[in-house]
PDB file of N, CA and C in Angstrom:
ATOM      1  N   MET A   1       1.876  34.200  37.942  1.00  0.00           N
ATOM      2  CA  MET A   1       2.070  35.127  39.045  1.00  0.00           C
ATOM      3  C   MET A   1       1.134  34.737  40.181  1.00  0.00           C
ATOM      4  N   LEU A   2       1.618  34.944  41.360  1.00  0.00           N
ATOM      5  CA  LEU A   2       0.847  34.630  42.554  1.00  0.00           C
ATOM      6  C   LEU A   2      -0.061  35.811  42.885  1.00  0.00           C
ATOM      7  N   ARG A   3      -1.336  35.526  43.041  1.00  0.00           N
ATOM      8  CA  ARG A   3      -2.300  36.584  43.351  1.00  0.00           C
ATOM      9  C   ARG A   3      -2.192  36.995  44.821  1.00  0.00           C
ATOM     10  N   PRO A   4      -2.629  38.213  45.154  1.00  0.00           N
ATOM     11  CA  PRO A   4      -2.642  38.621  46.558  1.00  0.00           C
ATOM     12  C   PRO A   4      -3.450  37.623  47.393  1.00  0.00           C
ATOM     13  N   GLY A   5      -2.896  37.246  48.521  1.00  0.00           N
ATOM     14  CA  GLY A   5      -3.528  36.241  49.373  1.00  0.00           C
ATOM     15  C   GLY A   5      -3.122  34.822  49.024  1.00  0.00           C
ATOM     16  N   GLY A   6      -2.416  34.658  47.889  1.00  0.00           N
ATOM     17  CA  GLY A   6      -1.956  33.333  47.472  1.00  0.00           C
ATOM     18  C   GLY A   6      -0.834  32.837  48.369  1.00  0.00           C
ATOM     19  N   ARG A   7      -0.726  31.519  48.483  1.00  0.00           N
ATOM     20  CA  ARG A   7       0.289  30.913  49.347  1.00  0.00           C
ATOM     21  C   ARG A   7       1.416  30.319  48.523  1.00  0.00           C
ATOM     22  N   PHE A   8       2.628  30.583  48.970  1.00  0.00           N
ATOM     23  CA  PHE A   8       3.824  29.972  48.400  1.00  0.00           C
ATOM     24  C   PHE A   8       4.320  28.973  49.437  1.00  0.00           C
ATOM     25  N   VAL A   9       4.422  27.705  49.051  1.00  0.00           N
ATOM     26  CA  VAL A   9       4.865  26.652  49.965  1.00  0.00           C
ATOM     27  C   VAL A   9       6.081  25.976  49.352  1.00  0.00           C
ATOM     28  N   THR A  10       7.135  25.824  50.143  1.00  0.00           N
ATOM     29  CA  THR A  10       8.332  25.140  49.668  1.00  0.00           C
ATOM     30  C   THR A  10       8.898  24.273  50.784  1.00  0.00           C
ATOM     31  N   PHE A  11       9.659  23.283  50.386  1.00  0.00           N
ATOM     32  CA  PHE A  11      10.251  22.338  51.322  1.00  0.00           C
ATOM     33  C   PHE A  11      11.768  22.482  51.290  1.00  0.00           C
ATOM     34  N   ALA A  12      12.381  22.431  52.454  1.00  0.00           N
ATOM     35  CA  ALA A  12      13.839  22.468  52.569  1.00  0.00           C
ATOM     36  C   ALA A  12      14.259  21.193  53.279  1.00  0.00           C
ATOM     37  N   TYR A  13      15.039  20.401  52.590  1.00  0.00           N
ATOM     38  CA  TYR A  13      15.448  19.108  53.134  1.00  0.00           C
ATOM     39  C   TYR A  13      16.733  19.235  53.920  1.00  0.00           C
ATOM     40  N   ALA A  14      16.780  18.565  55.052  1.00  0.00           N
ATOM     41  CA  ALA A  14      17.917  18.645  55.973  1.00  0.00           C
ATOM     42  C   ALA A  14      18.951  17.584  55.629  1.00  0.00           C
ATOM     43  N   PHE A  15      19.708  17.815  54.562  1.00  0.00           N
ATOM     44  CA  PHE A  15      20.760  16.864  54.195  1.00  0.00           C
ATOM     45  C   PHE A  15      21.942  16.973  55.142  1.00  0.00           C
ATOM     46  N   SER A  16      22.312  18.203  55.482  1.00  0.00           N
ATOM     47  CA  SER A  16      23.481  18.407  56.328  1.00  0.00           C
ATOM     48  C   SER A  16      23.411  19.788  56.963  1.00  0.00           C
ATOM     49  N   PRO A  17      23.776  19.901  58.230  1.00  0.00           N
ATOM     50  CA  PRO A  17      23.791  21.233  58.842  1.00  0.00           C
ATOM     51  C   PRO A  17      24.871  22.141  58.256  1.00  0.00           C
ATOM     52  N   LEU A  18      25.793  21.570  57.495  1.00  0.00           N
ATOM     53  CA  LEU A  18      26.863  22.366  56.894  1.00  0.00           C
ATOM     54  C   LEU A  18      26.500  22.903  55.517  1.00  0.00           C
ATOM     55  N   PHE A  19      25.351  22.518  54.984  1.00  0.00           N
ATOM     56  CA  PHE A  19      24.927  22.937  53.654  1.00  0.00           C
ATOM     57  C   PHE A  19      24.299  24.320  53.764  1.00  0.00           C
ATOM     58  N   LYS A  20      25.059  25.376  53.445  1.00  0.00           N
ATOM     59  CA  LYS A  20      24.622  26.744  53.687  1.00  0.00           C
ATOM     60  C   LYS A  20      23.977  27.482  52.519  1.00  0.00           C
ATOM     61  N   PRO A  21      24.194  27.134  51.249  1.00  0.00           N
ATOM     62  CA  PRO A  21      23.660  27.967  50.173  1.00  0.00           C
ATOM     63  C   PRO A  21      22.157  28.226  50.255  1.00  0.00           C
ATOM     64  N   GLY A  22      21.363  27.241  50.636  1.00  0.00           N
ATOM     65  CA  GLY A  22      19.922  27.433  50.722  1.00  0.00           C
ATOM     66  C   GLY A  22      19.490  28.237  51.929  1.00  0.00           C
ATOM     67  N   ARG A  23      20.288  28.255  52.955  1.00  0.00           N
ATOM     68  CA  ARG A  23      19.931  28.979  54.177  1.00  0.00           C
ATOM     69  C   ARG A  23      19.730  30.462  53.916  1.00  0.00           C
ATOM     70  N   ARG A  24      20.563  31.046  53.085  1.00  0.00           N
ATOM     71  CA  ARG A  24      20.437  32.476  52.805  1.00  0.00           C
ATOM     72  C   ARG A  24      19.100  32.767  52.133  1.00  0.00           C
ATOM     73  N   PHE A  25      18.679  31.903  51.220  1.00  0.00           N
ATOM     74  CA  PHE A  25      17.384  32.081  50.552  1.00  0.00           C
ATOM     75  C   PHE A  25      16.257  32.067  51.567  1.00  0.00           C
ATOM     76  N   PHE A  26      16.276  31.078  52.458  1.00  0.00           N
ATOM     77  CA  PHE A  26      15.175  30.925  53.395  1.00  0.00           C
ATOM     78  C   PHE A  26      15.198  31.949  54.522  1.00  0.00           C
ATOM     79  N   LYS A  27      16.360  32.469  54.873  1.00  0.00           N
ATOM     80  CA  LYS A  27      16.448  33.435  55.963  1.00  0.00           C
ATOM     81  C   LYS A  27      16.405  34.883  55.497  1.00  0.00           C
ATOM     82  N   GLU A  28      16.781  35.161  54.246  1.00  0.00           N
ATOM     83  CA  GLU A  28      16.855  36.541  53.771  1.00  0.00           C
ATOM     84  C   GLU A  28      15.890  36.830  52.628  1.00  0.00           C
ATOM     85  N   LYS A  29      15.989  36.077  51.560  1.00  0.00           N
ATOM     86  CA  LYS A  29      15.241  36.410  50.347  1.00  0.00           C
ATOM     87  C   LYS A  29      13.759  36.070  50.435  1.00  0.00           C
ATOM     88  N   LEU A  30      13.425  34.940  51.019  1.00  0.00           N
ATOM     89  CA  LEU A  30      12.012  34.568  51.123  1.00  0.00           C
ATOM     90  C   LEU A  30      11.240  35.562  51.993  1.00  0.00           C
ATOM     91  N   PRO A  31      11.734  35.936  53.189  1.00  0.00           N
ATOM     92  CA  PRO A  31      11.018  36.939  53.986  1.00  0.00           C
ATOM     93  C   PRO A  31      10.954  38.319  53.327  1.00  0.00           C
ATOM     94  N   ALA A  32      11.907  38.647  52.464  1.00  0.00           N
ATOM     95  CA  ALA A  32      11.866  39.936  51.766  1.00  0.00           C
ATOM     96  C   ALA A  32      10.720  39.973  50.763  1.00  0.00           C
ATOM     97  N   THR A  33      10.344  38.822  50.235  1.00  0.00           N
ATOM     98  CA  THR A  33       9.260  38.736  49.262  1.00  0.00           C
ATOM     99  C   THR A  33       7.912  38.496  49.927  1.00  0.00           C
ATOM    100  N   PHE A  34       7.914  37.682  50.966  1.00  0.00           N
ATOM    101  CA  PHE A  34       6.688  37.321  51.678  1.00  0.00           C
ATOM    102  C   PHE A  34       6.846  37.676  53.154  1.00  0.00           C
ATOM    103  N   PRO A  35       6.268  38.806  53.587  1.00  0.00           N
ATOM    104  CA  PRO A  35       6.378  39.153  55.003  1.00  0.00           C
ATOM    105  C   PRO A  35       5.662  38.109  55.861  1.00  0.00           C
ATOM    106  N   GLY A  36       6.243  37.782  56.976  1.00  0.00           N
ATOM    107  CA  GLY A  36       5.614  36.820  57.878  1.00  0.00           C
ATOM    108  C   GLY A  36       5.707  35.388  57.407  1.00  0.00           C
ATOM    109  N   VAL A  37       6.862  34.966  56.917  1.00  0.00           N
ATOM    110  CA  VAL A  37       7.052  33.579  56.484  1.00  0.00           C
ATOM    111  C   VAL A  37       6.961  32.663  57.700  1.00  0.00           C
ATOM    112  N   GLU A  38       6.176  31.605  57.563  1.00  0.00           N
ATOM    113  CA  GLU A  38       6.026  30.627  58.636  1.00  0.00           C
ATOM    114  C   GLU A  38       6.911  29.422  58.352  1.00  0.00           C
ATOM    115  N   ARG A  39       7.680  29.006  59.343  1.00  0.00           N
ATOM    116  CA  ARG A  39       8.532  27.825  59.218  1.00  0.00           C
ATOM    117  C   ARG A  39       7.919  26.713  60.057  1.00  0.00           C
ATOM    118  N   ILE A  40       7.700  25.570  59.441  1.00  0.00           N
ATOM    119  CA  ILE A  40       7.121  24.418  60.117  1.00  0.00           C
ATOM    120  C   ILE A  40       8.158  23.307  60.121  1.00  0.00           C
ATOM    121  N   GLY A  41       8.376  22.724  61.253  1.00  0.00           N
ATOM    122  CA  GLY A  41       9.288  21.592  61.293  1.00  0.00           C
ATOM    123  C   GLY A  41      10.424  21.789  62.260  1.00  0.00           C
ATOM    124  N   PRO A  42      11.309  20.852  62.282  1.00  0.00           N
ATOM    125  CA  PRO A  42      11.544  19.832  61.259  1.00  0.00           C
ATOM    126  C   PRO A  42      10.509  18.714  61.302  1.00  0.00           C
ATOM    127  N   ILE A  43      10.253  18.150  60.136  1.00  0.00           N
ATOM    128  CA  ILE A  43       9.349  17.018  59.986  1.00  0.00           C
ATOM    129  C   ILE A  43      10.218  15.768  60.006  1.00  0.00           C
ATOM    130  N   TRP A  44      10.325  15.142  61.153  1.00  0.00           N
ATOM    131  CA  TRP A  44      11.232  14.008  61.324  1.00  0.00           C
ATOM    132  C   TRP A  44      10.716  12.731  60.680  1.00  0.00           C
ATOM    133  N   LYS A  45       9.398  12.614  60.476  1.00  0.00           N
ATOM    134  CA  LYS A  45       8.849  11.398  59.865  1.00  0.00           C
ATOM    135  C   LYS A  45       9.097  11.351  58.362  1.00  0.00           C
ATOM    136  N   ASN A  46       9.464  12.478  57.780  1.00  0.00           N
ATOM    137  CA  ASN A  46       9.798  12.517  56.359  1.00  0.00           C
ATOM    138  C   ASN A  46      11.249  12.067  56.182  1.00  0.00           C
ATOM    139  N   MET A  47      11.536  11.364  55.108  1.00  0.00           N
ATOM    140  CA  MET A  47      12.909  10.957  54.810  1.00  0.00           C
ATOM    141  C   MET A  47      13.335  11.541  53.481  1.00  0.00           C
ATOM    142  N   PRO A  48      14.320  12.405  53.404  1.00  0.00           N
ATOM    143  CA  PRO A  48      15.045  12.959  54.544  1.00  0.00           C
ATOM    144  C   PRO A  48      14.182  13.983  55.280  1.00  0.00           C
ATOM    145  N   PRO A  49      14.513  14.265  56.548  1.00  0.00           N
ATOM    146  CA  PRO A  49      13.751  15.268  57.300  1.00  0.00           C
ATOM    147  C   PRO A  49      13.737  16.610  56.565  1.00  0.00           C
ATOM    148  N   CYS A  50      12.676  17.370  56.772  1.00  0.00           N
ATOM    149  CA  CYS A  50      12.562  18.649  56.068  1.00  0.00           C
ATOM    150  C   CYS A  50      11.906  19.703  56.945  1.00  0.00           C
ATOM    151  N   HIS A  51      12.002  20.945  56.481  1.00  0.00           N
ATOM    152  CA  HIS A  51      11.251  22.070  57.019  1.00  0.00           C
ATOM    153  C   HIS A  51      10.298  22.506  55.913  1.00  0.00           C
ATOM    154  N   VAL A  52       9.148  23.022  56.294  1.00  0.00           N
ATOM    155  CA  VAL A  52       8.187  23.560  55.339  1.00  0.00           C
ATOM    156  C   VAL A  52       8.112  25.060  55.589  1.00  0.00           C
ATOM    157  N   TYR A  53       8.241  25.833  54.529  1.00  0.00           N
ATOM    158  CA  TYR A  53       8.146  27.284  54.617  1.00  0.00           C
ATOM    159  C   TYR A  53       6.906  27.727  53.852  1.00  0.00           C
ATOM    160  N   VAL A  54       6.085  28.578  54.502  1.00  0.00           N
ATOM    161  CA  VAL A  54       4.847  29.065  53.891  1.00  0.00           C
ATOM    162  C   VAL A  54       4.866  30.587  53.928  1.00  0.00           C
ATOM    163  N   GLY A  55       4.672  31.192  52.768  1.00  0.00           N
ATOM    164  CA  GLY A  55       4.587  32.646  52.662  1.00  0.00           C
ATOM    165  C   GLY A  55       3.288  33.025  51.981  1.00  0.00           C
ATOM    166  N   VAL A  56       2.652  34.095  52.435  1.00  0.00           N
ATOM    167  CA  VAL A  56       1.404  34.573  51.837  1.00  0.00           C
ATOM    168  C   VAL A  56       1.684  35.915  51.181  1.00  0.00           C
ATOM    169  N   LYS A  57       1.297  36.033  49.908  1.00  0.00           N
ATOM    170  CA  LYS A  57       1.531  37.285  49.176  1.00  0.00           C
ATOM    171  C   LYS A  57       0.560  38.357  49.657  1.00  0.00           C
ATOM    172  N   GLN A  58       1.111  39.521  49.945  1.00  0.00           N
ATOM    173  CA  GLN A  58       0.302  40.653  50.391  1.00  0.00           C
ATOM    174  C   GLN A  58      -0.283  41.383  49.187  1.00  0.00           C
ATOM    175  N   ALA A  59      -1.317  42.158  49.447  1.00  0.00           N
ATOM    176  CA  ALA A  59      -1.972  42.922  48.378  1.00  0.00           C
ATOM    177  C   ALA A  59      -1.097  44.033  47.863  1.00  0.00           C
TER     178      ALA A  59
END
């Protein structure tokens, strides 16, 4: 279990703009669990390009 103040970091790879199943997780479910999710990217130097999502667990 993630302790209060702990960080959850995940990567979302940009395979195709038409790939929608993961979008719902990152736009709806992740913010419901971690208020104030930060999205970083796209990281173009990574192959394949990706976004980094960071959520901090509240107390």
